[in-house]
Amino acid sequence: NSRNTKYHRFTSILGSFSEPGRLSESDLENVPEKAAENQTDTALA
């Protein structure tokens, strides 16, 4: 749930993508669009 908002997160790492624990758009610029929505989140988990 670091980029998606399906559920509220349990911890207090909230805010912009640049904060710890959240992926920024620049982090994902070389990742295919579909993968960025799914497999990158999976790798993070």
ModelCIF file with pLDDT and N, C-alpha, C, O atoms, coordinates in Angstrom:
data_MODEL
#
_entry.id   MODEL 
#
_entity.id                         1 
_entity.type                       polymer 
_entity.pdbx_number_of_molecules   1 
#
_entity_poly.entity_id                      1 
_entity_poly.type                           'polypeptide(L)' 
_entity_poly.nstd_linkage                   no 
_entity_poly.nstd_monomer                   no 
_entity_poly.pdbx_seq_one_letter_code       NSRNTKYHRFTSILGSFSEPGRLSESDLENVPEKAAENQTDTALA 
_entity_poly.pdbx_seq_one_letter_code_can   NSRNTKYHRFTSILGSFSEPGRLSESDLENVPEKAAENQTDTALA 
_entity_poly.pdbx_strand_id                 A 
#
loop_
_entity_poly_seq.entity_id 
_entity_poly_seq.num 
_entity_poly_seq.mon_id 
_entity_poly_seq.hetero 
1 1  ASN n 
1 2  SER n 
1 3  ARG n 
1 4  ASN n 
1 5  THR n 
1 6  LYS n 
1 7  TYR n 
1 8  HIS n 
1 9  ARG n 
1 10 PHE n 
1 11 THR n 
1 12 SER n 
1 13 ILE n 
1 14 LEU n 
1 15 GLY n 
1 16 SER n 
1 17 PHE n 
1 18 SER n 
1 19 GLU n 
1 20 PRO n 
1 21 GLY n 
1 22 ARG n 
1 23 LEU n 
1 24 SER n 
1 25 GLU n 
1 26 SER n 
1 27 ASP n 
1 28 LEU n 
1 29 GLU n 
1 30 ASN n 
1 31 VAL n 
1 32 PRO n 
1 33 GLU n 
1 34 LYS n 
1 35 ALA n 
1 36 ALA n 
1 37 GLU n 
1 38 ASN n 
1 39 GLN n 
1 40 THR n 
1 41 ASP n 
1 42 THR n 
1 43 ALA n 
1 44 LEU n 
1 45 ALA n 
#
_struct_asym.id          A 
_struct_asym.entity_id   1 
#
loop_
_ma_qa_metric.id 
_ma_qa_metric.mode 
_ma_qa_metric.name 
_ma_qa_metric.software_group_id 
_ma_qa_metric.type 
1 global pLDDT . pLDDT 
2 local  pLDDT . pLDDT 
#
_ma_qa_metric_global.metric_id      1 
_ma_qa_metric_global.metric_value   58.58 
_ma_qa_metric_global.model_id       1 
_ma_qa_metric_global.ordinal_id     1 
#
loop_
_ma_qa_metric_local.label_asym_id 
_ma_qa_metric_local.label_comp_id 
_ma_qa_metric_local.label_seq_id 
_ma_qa_metric_local.metric_id 
_ma_qa_metric_local.metric_value 
_ma_qa_metric_local.model_id 
_ma_qa_metric_local.ordinal_id 
A ASN 1  2 87.00 1 1  
A SER 2  2 80.00 1 2  
A ARG 3  2 71.00 1 3  
A ASN 4  2 67.00 1 4  
A THR 5  2 69.00 1 5  
A LYS 6  2 82.00 1 6  
A TYR 7  2 82.00 1 7  
A HIS 8  2 81.00 1 8  
A ARG 9  2 81.00 1 9  
A PHE 10 2 82.00 1 10 
A THR 11 2 76.00 1 11 
A SER 12 2 51.00 1 12 
A ILE 13 2 40.00 1 13 
A LEU 14 2 35.00 1 14 
A GLY 15 2 34.00 1 15 
A SER 16 2 31.00 1 16 
A PHE 17 2 30.00 1 17 
A SER 18 2 33.00 1 18 
A GLU 19 2 37.00 1 19 
A PRO 20 2 37.00 1 20 
A GLY 21 2 42.00 1 21 
A ARG 22 2 44.00 1 22 
A LEU 23 2 44.00 1 23 
A SER 24 2 47.00 1 24 
A GLU 25 2 46.00 1 25 
A SER 26 2 49.00 1 26 
A ASP 27 2 47.00 1 27 
A LEU 28 2 44.00 1 28 
A GLU 29 2 45.00 1 29 
A ASN 30 2 43.00 1 30 
A VAL 31 2 41.00 1 31 
A PRO 32 2 42.00 1 32 
A GLU 33 2 46.00 1 33 
A LYS 34 2 44.00 1 34 
A ALA 35 2 46.00 1 35 
A ALA 36 2 48.00 1 36 
A GLU 37 2 53.00 1 37 
A ASN 38 2 70.00 1 38 
A GLN 39 2 79.00 1 39 
A THR 40 2 81.00 1 40 
A ASP 41 2 85.00 1 41 
A THR 42 2 90.00 1 42 
A ALA 43 2 90.00 1 43 
A LEU 44 2 90.00 1 44 
A ALA 45 2 94.00 1 45 
#
loop_
_atom_site.group_PDB 
_atom_site.id 
_atom_site.type_symbol 
_atom_site.label_atom_id 
_atom_site.label_alt_id 
_atom_site.label_comp_id 
_atom_site.label_asym_id 
_atom_site.label_entity_id 
_atom_site.label_seq_id 
_atom_site.pdbx_PDB_ins_code 
_atom_site.Cartn_x 
_atom_site.Cartn_y 
_atom_site.Cartn_z 
_atom_site.occupancy 
_atom_site.B_iso_or_equiv 
_atom_site.pdbx_formal_charge 
_atom_site.auth_seq_id 
_atom_site.auth_comp_id 
_atom_site.auth_asym_id 
_atom_site.auth_atom_id 
_atom_site.pdbx_PDB_model_num 
ATOM 1   N N  . ASN A 1 1  ? 0.822  -1.213 0.000   1.00 87.00 ? 1  ASN A N  1 
ATOM 2   C CA . ASN A 1 1  ? 0.000  0.000  0.000   1.00 87.00 ? 1  ASN A CA 1 
ATOM 3   C C  . ASN A 1 1  ? 0.855  1.262  0.000   1.00 87.00 ? 1  ASN A C  1 
ATOM 4   O O  . ASN A 1 1  ? 0.367  2.339  0.345   1.00 87.00 ? 1  ASN A O  1 
ATOM 5   N N  . SER A 1 2  ? 2.119  1.142  -0.381  1.00 80.00 ? 2  SER A N  1 
ATOM 6   C CA . SER A 1 2  ? 3.016  2.292  -0.349  1.00 80.00 ? 2  SER A CA 1 
ATOM 7   C C  . SER A 1 2  ? 2.689  3.297  -1.450  1.00 80.00 ? 2  SER A C  1 
ATOM 8   O O  . SER A 1 2  ? 2.925  4.494  -1.287  1.00 80.00 ? 2  SER A O  1 
ATOM 9   N N  . ARG A 1 3  ? 2.151  2.821  -2.562  1.00 71.00 ? 3  ARG A N  1 
ATOM 10  C CA . ARG A 1 3  ? 1.705  3.738  -3.624  1.00 71.00 ? 3  ARG A CA 1 
ATOM 11  C C  . ARG A 1 3  ? 0.208  3.626  -3.848  1.00 71.00 ? 3  ARG A C  1 
ATOM 12  O O  . ARG A 1 3  ? -0.466 4.618  -4.126  1.00 71.00 ? 3  ARG A O  1 
ATOM 13  N N  . ASN A 1 4  ? -0.299 2.425  -3.727  1.00 67.00 ? 4  ASN A N  1 
ATOM 14  C CA . ASN A 1 4  ? -1.746 2.234  -3.866  1.00 67.00 ? 4  ASN A CA 1 
ATOM 15  C C  . ASN A 1 4  ? -2.439 2.661  -2.575  1.00 67.00 ? 4  ASN A C  1 
ATOM 16  O O  . ASN A 1 4  ? -1.803 2.758  -1.526  1.00 67.00 ? 4  ASN A O  1 
ATOM 17  N N  . THR A 1 5  ? -3.698 2.907  -2.653  1.00 69.00 ? 5  THR A N  1 
ATOM 18  C CA . THR A 1 5  ? -4.448 3.342  -1.466  1.00 69.00 ? 5  THR A CA 1 
ATOM 19  C C  . THR A 1 5  ? -5.646 2.434  -1.227  1.00 69.00 ? 5  THR A C  1 
ATOM 20  O O  . THR A 1 5  ? -6.702 2.899  -0.797  1.00 69.00 ? 5  THR A O  1 
ATOM 21  N N  . LYS A 1 6  ? -5.488 1.140  -1.502  1.00 82.00 ? 6  LYS A N  1 
ATOM 22  C CA . LYS A 1 6  ? -6.609 0.233  -1.294  1.00 82.00 ? 6  LYS A CA 1 
ATOM 23  C C  . LYS A 1 6  ? -6.959 0.140  0.181   1.00 82.00 ? 6  LYS A C  1 
ATOM 24  O O  . LYS A 1 6  ? -8.134 0.078  0.544   1.00 82.00 ? 6  LYS A O  1 
ATOM 25  N N  . TYR A 1 7  ? -5.920 0.132  1.045   1.00 82.00 ? 7  TYR A N  1 
ATOM 26  C CA . TYR A 1 7  ? -6.140 0.056  2.487   1.00 82.00 ? 7  TYR A CA 1 
ATOM 27  C C  . TYR A 1 7  ? -5.268 1.097  3.187   1.00 82.00 ? 7  TYR A C  1 
ATOM 28  O O  . TYR A 1 7  ? -4.237 1.514  2.660   1.00 82.00 ? 7  TYR A O  1 
ATOM 29  N N  . HIS A 1 8  ? -5.696 1.508  4.378   1.00 81.00 ? 8  HIS A N  1 
ATOM 30  C CA . HIS A 1 8  ? -4.864 2.361  5.202   1.00 81.00 ? 8  HIS A CA 1 
ATOM 31  C C  . HIS A 1 8  ? -3.654 1.564  5.678   1.00 81.00 ? 8  HIS A C  1 
ATOM 32  O O  . HIS A 1 8  ? -3.767 0.380  5.998   1.00 81.00 ? 8  HIS A O  1 
ATOM 33  N N  . ARG A 1 9  ? -2.505 2.218  5.722   1.00 81.00 ? 9  ARG A N  1 
ATOM 34  C CA . ARG A 1 9  ? -1.300 1.544  6.200   1.00 81.00 ? 9  ARG A CA 1 
ATOM 35  C C  . ARG A 1 9  ? -1.302 1.500  7.725   1.00 81.00 ? 9  ARG A C  1 
ATOM 36  O O  . ARG A 1 9  ? -1.874 2.371  8.381   1.00 81.00 ? 9  ARG A O  1 
ATOM 37  N N  . PHE A 1 10 ? -0.671 0.501  8.266   1.00 82.00 ? 10 PHE A N  1 
ATOM 38  C CA . PHE A 1 10 ? -0.633 0.328  9.714   1.00 82.00 ? 10 PHE A CA 1 
ATOM 39  C C  . PHE A 1 10 ? 0.387  1.250  10.378  1.00 82.00 ? 10 PHE A C  1 
ATOM 40  O O  . PHE A 1 10 ? 0.210  1.653  11.528  1.00 82.00 ? 10 PHE A O  1 
ATOM 41  N N  . THR A 1 11 ? 1.441  1.577  9.659   1.00 76.00 ? 11 THR A N  1 
ATOM 42  C CA . THR A 1 11 ? 2.475  2.425  10.238  1.00 76.00 ? 11 THR A CA 1 
ATOM 43  C C  . THR A 1 11 ? 2.259  3.873  9.823   1.00 76.00 ? 11 THR A C  1 
ATOM 44  O O  . THR A 1 11 ? 1.346  4.180  9.056   1.00 76.00 ? 11 THR A O  1 
ATOM 45  N N  . SER A 1 12 ? 3.096  4.749  10.331  1.00 51.00 ? 12 SER A N  1 
ATOM 46  C CA . SER A 1 12 ? 2.918  6.182  10.103  1.00 51.00 ? 12 SER A CA 1 
ATOM 47  C C  . SER A 1 12 ? 3.786  6.720  8.969   1.00 51.00 ? 12 SER A C  1 
ATOM 48  O O  . SER A 1 12 ? 3.985  7.931  8.871   1.00 51.00 ? 12 SER A O  1 
ATOM 49  N N  . ILE A 1 13 ? 4.301  5.847  8.115   1.00 40.00 ? 13 ILE A N  1 
ATOM 50  C CA . ILE A 1 13 ? 5.088  6.321  6.968   1.00 40.00 ? 13 ILE A CA 1 
ATOM 51  C C  . ILE A 1 13 ? 4.109  6.756  5.889   1.00 40.00 ? 13 ILE A C  1 
ATOM 52  O O  . ILE A 1 13 ? 3.791  5.982  4.987   1.00 40.00 ? 13 ILE A O  1 
ATOM 53  N N  . LEU A 1 14 ? 3.639  7.972  5.977   1.00 35.00 ? 14 LEU A N  1 
ATOM 54  C CA . LEU A 1 14 ? 2.674  8.502  5.032   1.00 35.00 ? 14 LEU A CA 1 
ATOM 55  C C  . LEU A 1 14 ? 3.207  9.784  4.414   1.00 35.00 ? 14 LEU A C  1 
ATOM 56  O O  . LEU A 1 14 ? 4.244  10.289 4.844   1.00 35.00 ? 14 LEU A O  1 
ATOM 57  N N  . GLY A 1 15 ? 2.530  10.308 3.432   1.00 34.00 ? 15 GLY A N  1 
ATOM 58  C CA . GLY A 1 15 ? 2.946  11.569 2.835   1.00 34.00 ? 15 GLY A CA 1 
ATOM 59  C C  . GLY A 1 15 ? 3.361  11.396 1.390   1.00 34.00 ? 15 GLY A C  1 
ATOM 60  O O  . GLY A 1 15 ? 2.818  10.548 0.681   1.00 34.00 ? 15 GLY A O  1 
ATOM 61  N N  . SER A 1 16 ? 4.316  12.189 0.948   1.00 31.00 ? 16 SER A N  1 
ATOM 62  C CA . SER A 1 16 ? 4.715  12.199 -0.458  1.00 31.00 ? 16 SER A CA 1 
ATOM 63  C C  . SER A 1 16 ? 5.538  10.958 -0.803  1.00 31.00 ? 16 SER A C  1 
ATOM 64  O O  . SER A 1 16 ? 6.024  10.242 0.072   1.00 31.00 ? 16 SER A O  1 
ATOM 65  N N  . PHE A 1 17 ? 5.676  10.733 -2.106  1.00 30.00 ? 17 PHE A N  1 
ATOM 66  C CA . PHE A 1 17 ? 6.439  9.574  -2.562  1.00 30.00 ? 17 PHE A CA 1 
ATOM 67  C C  . PHE A 1 17 ? 7.901  9.645  -2.150  1.00 30.00 ? 17 PHE A C  1 
ATOM 68  O O  . PHE A 1 17 ? 8.578  8.617  -2.117  1.00 30.00 ? 17 PHE A O  1 
ATOM 69  N N  . SER A 1 18 ? 8.402  10.829 -1.836  1.00 33.00 ? 18 SER A N  1 
ATOM 70  C CA . SER A 1 18 ? 9.824  10.979 -1.531  1.00 33.00 ? 18 SER A CA 1 
ATOM 71  C C  . SER A 1 18 ? 10.173 10.565 -0.114  1.00 33.00 ? 18 SER A C  1 
ATOM 72  O O  . SER A 1 18 ? 11.353 10.453 0.219   1.00 33.00 ? 18 SER A O  1 
ATOM 73  N N  . GLU A 1 19 ? 9.161  10.333 0.737   1.00 37.00 ? 19 GLU A N  1 
ATOM 74  C CA . GLU A 1 19 ? 9.432  9.967  2.117   1.00 37.00 ? 19 GLU A CA 1 
ATOM 75  C C  . GLU A 1 19 ? 9.888  8.515  2.217   1.00 37.00 ? 19 GLU A C  1 
ATOM 76  O O  . GLU A 1 19 ? 9.591  7.713  1.332   1.00 37.00 ? 19 GLU A O  1 
ATOM 77  N N  . PRO A 1 20 ? 10.605 8.170  3.282   1.00 37.00 ? 20 PRO A N  1 
ATOM 78  C CA . PRO A 1 20 ? 11.091 6.787  3.447   1.00 37.00 ? 20 PRO A CA 1 
ATOM 79  C C  . PRO A 1 20 ? 9.953  5.781  3.330   1.00 37.00 ? 20 PRO A C  1 
ATOM 80  O O  . PRO A 1 20 ? 8.874  5.964  3.895   1.00 37.00 ? 20 PRO A O  1 
ATOM 81  N N  . GLY A 1 21 ? 10.223 4.714  2.583   1.00 42.00 ? 21 GLY A N  1 
ATOM 82  C CA . GLY A 1 21 ? 9.228  3.666  2.452   1.00 42.00 ? 21 GLY A CA 1 
ATOM 83  C C  . GLY A 1 21 ? 8.268  3.864  1.307   1.00 42.00 ? 21 GLY A C  1 
ATOM 84  O O  . GLY A 1 21 ? 7.390  3.030  1.084   1.00 42.00 ? 21 GLY A O  1 
ATOM 85  N N  . ARG A 1 22 ? 8.420  4.970  0.564   1.00 44.00 ? 22 ARG A N  1 
ATOM 86  C CA . ARG A 1 22 ? 7.526  5.207  -0.562  1.00 44.00 ? 22 ARG A CA 1 
ATOM 87  C C  . ARG A 1 22 ? 8.368  5.374  -1.820  1.00 44.00 ? 22 ARG A C  1 
ATOM 88  O O  . ARG A 1 22 ? 9.422  6.011  -1.792  1.00 44.00 ? 22 ARG A O  1 
ATOM 89  N N  . LEU A 1 23 ? 7.903  4.806  -2.912  1.00 44.00 ? 23 LEU A N  1 
ATOM 90  C CA . LEU A 1 23 ? 8.647  4.876  -4.169  1.00 44.00 ? 23 LEU A CA 1 
ATOM 91  C C  . LEU A 1 23 ? 8.326  6.175  -4.895  1.00 44.00 ? 23 LEU A C  1 
ATOM 92  O O  . LEU A 1 23 ? 7.158  6.535  -5.042  1.00 44.00 ? 23 LEU A O  1 
ATOM 93  N N  . SER A 1 24 ? 9.363  6.883  -5.352  1.00 47.00 ? 24 SER A N  1 
ATOM 94  C CA . SER A 1 24 ? 9.160  8.123  -6.095  1.00 47.00 ? 24 SER A CA 1 
ATOM 95  C C  . SER A 1 24 ? 8.976  7.815  -7.574  1.00 47.00 ? 24 SER A C  1 
ATOM 96  O O  . SER A 1 24 ? 9.269  6.710  -8.030  1.00 47.00 ? 24 SER A O  1 
ATOM 97  N N  . GLU A 1 25 ? 8.492  8.794  -8.310  1.00 46.00 ? 25 GLU A N  1 
ATOM 98  C CA . GLU A 1 25 ? 8.316  8.598  -9.741  1.00 46.00 ? 25 GLU A CA 1 
ATOM 99  C C  . GLU A 1 25 ? 9.663  8.376  -10.428 1.00 46.00 ? 25 GLU A C  1 
ATOM 100 O O  . GLU A 1 25 ? 9.748  7.604  -11.384 1.00 46.00 ? 25 GLU A O  1 
ATOM 101 N N  . SER A 1 26 ? 10.717 9.043  -9.952  1.00 49.00 ? 26 SER A N  1 
ATOM 102 C CA . SER A 1 26 ? 12.036 8.843  -10.549 1.00 49.00 ? 26 SER A CA 1 
ATOM 103 C C  . SER A 1 26 ? 12.557 7.440  -10.303 1.00 49.00 ? 26 SER A C  1 
ATOM 104 O O  . SER A 1 26 ? 13.277 6.885  -11.133 1.00 49.00 ? 26 SER A O  1 
ATOM 105 N N  . ASP A 1 27 ? 12.191 6.862  -9.153  1.00 47.00 ? 27 ASP A N  1 
ATOM 106 C CA . ASP A 1 27 ? 12.590 5.483  -8.870  1.00 47.00 ? 27 ASP A CA 1 
ATOM 107 C C  . ASP A 1 27 ? 12.031 4.534  -9.913  1.00 47.00 ? 27 ASP A C  1 
ATOM 108 O O  . ASP A 1 27 ? 12.634 3.506  -10.219 1.00 47.00 ? 27 ASP A O  1 
ATOM 109 N N  . LEU A 1 28 ? 10.869 4.885  -10.457 1.00 44.00 ? 28 LEU A N  1 
ATOM 110 C CA . LEU A 1 28 ? 10.142 3.967  -11.320 1.00 44.00 ? 28 LEU A CA 1 
ATOM 111 C C  . LEU A 1 28 ? 10.248 4.323  -12.797 1.00 44.00 ? 28 LEU A C  1 
ATOM 112 O O  . LEU A 1 28 ? 9.581  3.702  -13.625 1.00 44.00 ? 28 LEU A O  1 
ATOM 113 N N  . GLU A 1 29 ? 11.066 5.304  -13.143 1.00 45.00 ? 29 GLU A N  1 
ATOM 114 C CA . GLU A 1 29 ? 11.052 5.806  -14.505 1.00 45.00 ? 29 GLU A CA 1 
ATOM 115 C C  . GLU A 1 29 ? 11.519 4.776  -15.525 1.00 45.00 ? 29 GLU A C  1 
ATOM 116 O O  . GLU A 1 29 ? 11.141 4.844  -16.695 1.00 45.00 ? 29 GLU A O  1 
ATOM 117 N N  . ASN A 1 30 ? 12.340 3.821  -15.089 1.00 43.00 ? 30 ASN A N  1 
ATOM 118 C CA . ASN A 1 30 ? 12.831 2.796  -16.017 1.00 43.00 ? 30 ASN A CA 1 
ATOM 119 C C  . ASN A 1 30 ? 12.064 1.483  -15.911 1.00 43.00 ? 30 ASN A C  1 
ATOM 120 O O  . ASN A 1 30 ? 12.463 0.468  -16.481 1.00 43.00 ? 30 ASN A O  1 
ATOM 121 N N  . VAL A 1 31 ? 10.968 1.519  -15.177 1.00 41.00 ? 31 VAL A N  1 
ATOM 122 C CA . VAL A 1 31 ? 10.173 0.320  -14.987 1.00 41.00 ? 31 VAL A CA 1 
ATOM 123 C C  . VAL A 1 31 ? 8.954  0.372  -15.889 1.00 41.00 ? 31 VAL A C  1 
ATOM 124 O O  . VAL A 1 31 ? 8.272  1.397  -15.917 1.00 41.00 ? 31 VAL A O  1 
ATOM 125 N N  . PRO A 1 32 ? 8.643  -0.705 -16.641 1.00 42.00 ? 32 PRO A N  1 
ATOM 126 C CA . PRO A 1 32 ? 7.456  -0.714 -17.487 1.00 42.00 ? 32 PRO A CA 1 
ATOM 127 C C  . PRO A 1 32 ? 6.217  -0.351 -16.686 1.00 42.00 ? 32 PRO A C  1 
ATOM 128 O O  . PRO A 1 32 ? 6.109  -0.687 -15.506 1.00 42.00 ? 32 PRO A O  1 
ATOM 129 N N  . GLU A 1 33 ? 5.279  0.339  -17.333 1.00 46.00 ? 33 GLU A N  1 
ATOM 130 C CA . GLU A 1 33 ? 4.111  0.874  -16.628 1.00 46.00 ? 33 GLU A CA 1 
ATOM 131 C C  . GLU A 1 33 ? 3.318  -0.200 -15.898 1.00 46.00 ? 33 GLU A C  1 
ATOM 132 O O  . GLU A 1 33 ? 2.995  -0.024 -14.723 1.00 46.00 ? 33 GLU A O  1 
ATOM 133 N N  . LYS A 1 34 ? 2.995  -1.307 -16.560 1.00 44.00 ? 34 LYS A N  1 
ATOM 134 C CA . LYS A 1 34 ? 2.197  -2.350 -15.920 1.00 44.00 ? 34 LYS A CA 1 
ATOM 135 C C  . LYS A 1 34 ? 2.954  -2.964 -14.749 1.00 44.00 ? 34 LYS A C  1 
ATOM 136 O O  . LYS A 1 34 ? 2.380  -3.235 -13.694 1.00 44.00 ? 34 LYS A O  1 
ATOM 137 N N  . ALA A 1 35 ? 4.232  -3.176 -14.948 1.00 46.00 ? 35 ALA A N  1 
ATOM 138 C CA . ALA A 1 35 ? 5.027  -3.764 -13.871 1.00 46.00 ? 35 ALA A CA 1 
ATOM 139 C C  . ALA A 1 35 ? 5.101  -2.831 -12.678 1.00 46.00 ? 35 ALA A C  1 
ATOM 140 O O  . ALA A 1 35 ? 5.103  -3.283 -11.533 1.00 46.00 ? 35 ALA A O  1 
ATOM 141 N N  . ALA A 1 36 ? 5.162  -1.526 -12.938 1.00 48.00 ? 36 ALA A N  1 
ATOM 142 C CA . ALA A 1 36 ? 5.251  -0.558 -11.843 1.00 48.00 ? 36 ALA A CA 1 
ATOM 143 C C  . ALA A 1 36 ? 4.045  -0.634 -10.936 1.00 48.00 ? 36 ALA A C  1 
ATOM 144 O O  . ALA A 1 36 ? 4.147  -0.316 -9.751  1.00 48.00 ? 36 ALA A O  1 
ATOM 145 N N  . GLU A 1 37 ? 2.911  -1.044 -11.458 1.00 53.00 ? 37 GLU A N  1 
ATOM 146 C CA . GLU A 1 37 ? 1.685  -1.139 -10.675 1.00 53.00 ? 37 GLU A CA 1 
ATOM 147 C C  . GLU A 1 37 ? 1.587  -2.446 -9.895  1.00 53.00 ? 37 GLU A C  1 
ATOM 148 O O  . GLU A 1 37 ? 0.774  -2.558 -8.977  1.00 53.00 ? 37 GLU A O  1 
ATOM 149 N N  . ASN A 1 38 ? 2.399  -3.429 -10.248 1.00 70.00 ? 38 ASN A N  1 
ATOM 150 C CA . ASN A 1 38 ? 2.222  -4.745 -9.647  1.00 70.00 ? 38 ASN A CA 1 
ATOM 151 C C  . ASN A 1 38 ? 3.533  -5.332 -9.131  1.00 70.00 ? 38 ASN A C  1 
ATOM 152 O O  . ASN A 1 38 ? 3.719  -5.480 -7.923  1.00 70.00 ? 38 ASN A O  1 
ATOM 153 N N  . GLN A 1 39 ? 4.437  -5.665 -10.046 1.00 79.00 ? 39 GLN A N  1 
ATOM 154 C CA . GLN A 1 39 ? 5.609  -6.432 -9.640  1.00 79.00 ? 39 GLN A CA 1 
ATOM 155 C C  . GLN A 1 39 ? 6.605  -5.619 -8.825  1.00 79.00 ? 39 GLN A C  1 
ATOM 156 O O  . GLN A 1 39 ? 7.318  -6.181 -7.994  1.00 79.00 ? 39 GLN A O  1 
ATOM 157 N N  . THR A 1 40 ? 6.668  -4.307 -9.046  1.00 81.00 ? 40 THR A N  1 
ATOM 158 C CA . THR A 1 40 ? 7.559  -3.504 -8.217  1.00 81.00 ? 40 THR A CA 1 
ATOM 159 C C  . THR A 1 40 ? 7.056  -3.464 -6.787  1.00 81.00 ? 40 THR A C  1 
ATOM 160 O O  . THR A 1 40 ? 7.846  -3.534 -5.846  1.00 81.00 ? 40 THR A O  1 
ATOM 161 N N  . ASP A 1 41 ? 5.751  -3.352 -6.617  1.00 85.00 ? 41 ASP A N  1 
ATOM 162 C CA . ASP A 1 41 ? 5.164  -3.411 -5.278  1.00 85.00 ? 41 ASP A CA 1 
ATOM 163 C C  . ASP A 1 41 ? 5.433  -4.771 -4.640  1.00 85.00 ? 41 ASP A C  1 
ATOM 164 O O  . ASP A 1 41 ? 5.691  -4.862 -3.440  1.00 85.00 ? 41 ASP A O  1 
ATOM 165 N N  . THR A 1 42 ? 5.370  -5.829 -5.454  1.00 90.00 ? 42 THR A N  1 
ATOM 166 C CA . THR A 1 42 ? 5.643  -7.164 -4.946  1.00 90.00 ? 42 THR A CA 1 
ATOM 167 C C  . THR A 1 42 ? 7.083  -7.269 -4.450  1.00 90.00 ? 42 THR A C  1 
ATOM 168 O O  . THR A 1 42 ? 7.340  -7.829 -3.384  1.00 90.00 ? 42 THR A O  1 
ATOM 169 N N  . ALA A 1 43 ? 8.022  -6.725 -5.231  1.00 90.00 ? 43 ALA A N  1 
ATOM 170 C CA . ALA A 1 43 ? 9.430  -6.742 -4.813  1.00 90.00 ? 43 ALA A CA 1 
ATOM 171 C C  . ALA A 1 43 ? 9.604  -5.977 -3.505  1.00 90.00 ? 43 ALA A C  1 
ATOM 172 O O  . ALA A 1 43 ? 10.356 -6.402 -2.628  1.00 90.00 ? 43 ALA A O  1 
ATOM 173 N N  . LEU A 1 44 ? 8.913  -4.854 -3.376  1.00 90.00 ? 44 LEU A N  1 
ATOM 174 C CA . LEU A 1 44 ? 8.987  -4.060 -2.156  1.00 90.00 ? 44 LEU A CA 1 
ATOM 175 C C  . LEU A 1 44 ? 8.482  -4.870 -0.959  1.00 90.00 ? 44 LEU A C  1 
ATOM 176 O O  . LEU A 1 44 ? 9.078  -4.832 0.117   1.00 90.00 ? 44 LEU A O  1 
ATOM 177 N N  . ALA A 1 45 ? 7.391  -5.598 -1.151  1.00 94.00 ? 45 ALA A N  1 
ATOM 178 C CA . ALA A 1 45 ? 6.828  -6.423 -0.079  1.00 94.00 ? 45 ALA A CA 1 
ATOM 179 C C  . ALA A 1 45 ? 7.766  -7.550 0.307   1.00 94.00 ? 45 ALA A C  1 
ATOM 180 O O  . ALA A 1 45 ? 7.449  -8.342 1.195   1.00 94.00 ? 45 ALA A O  1 
#
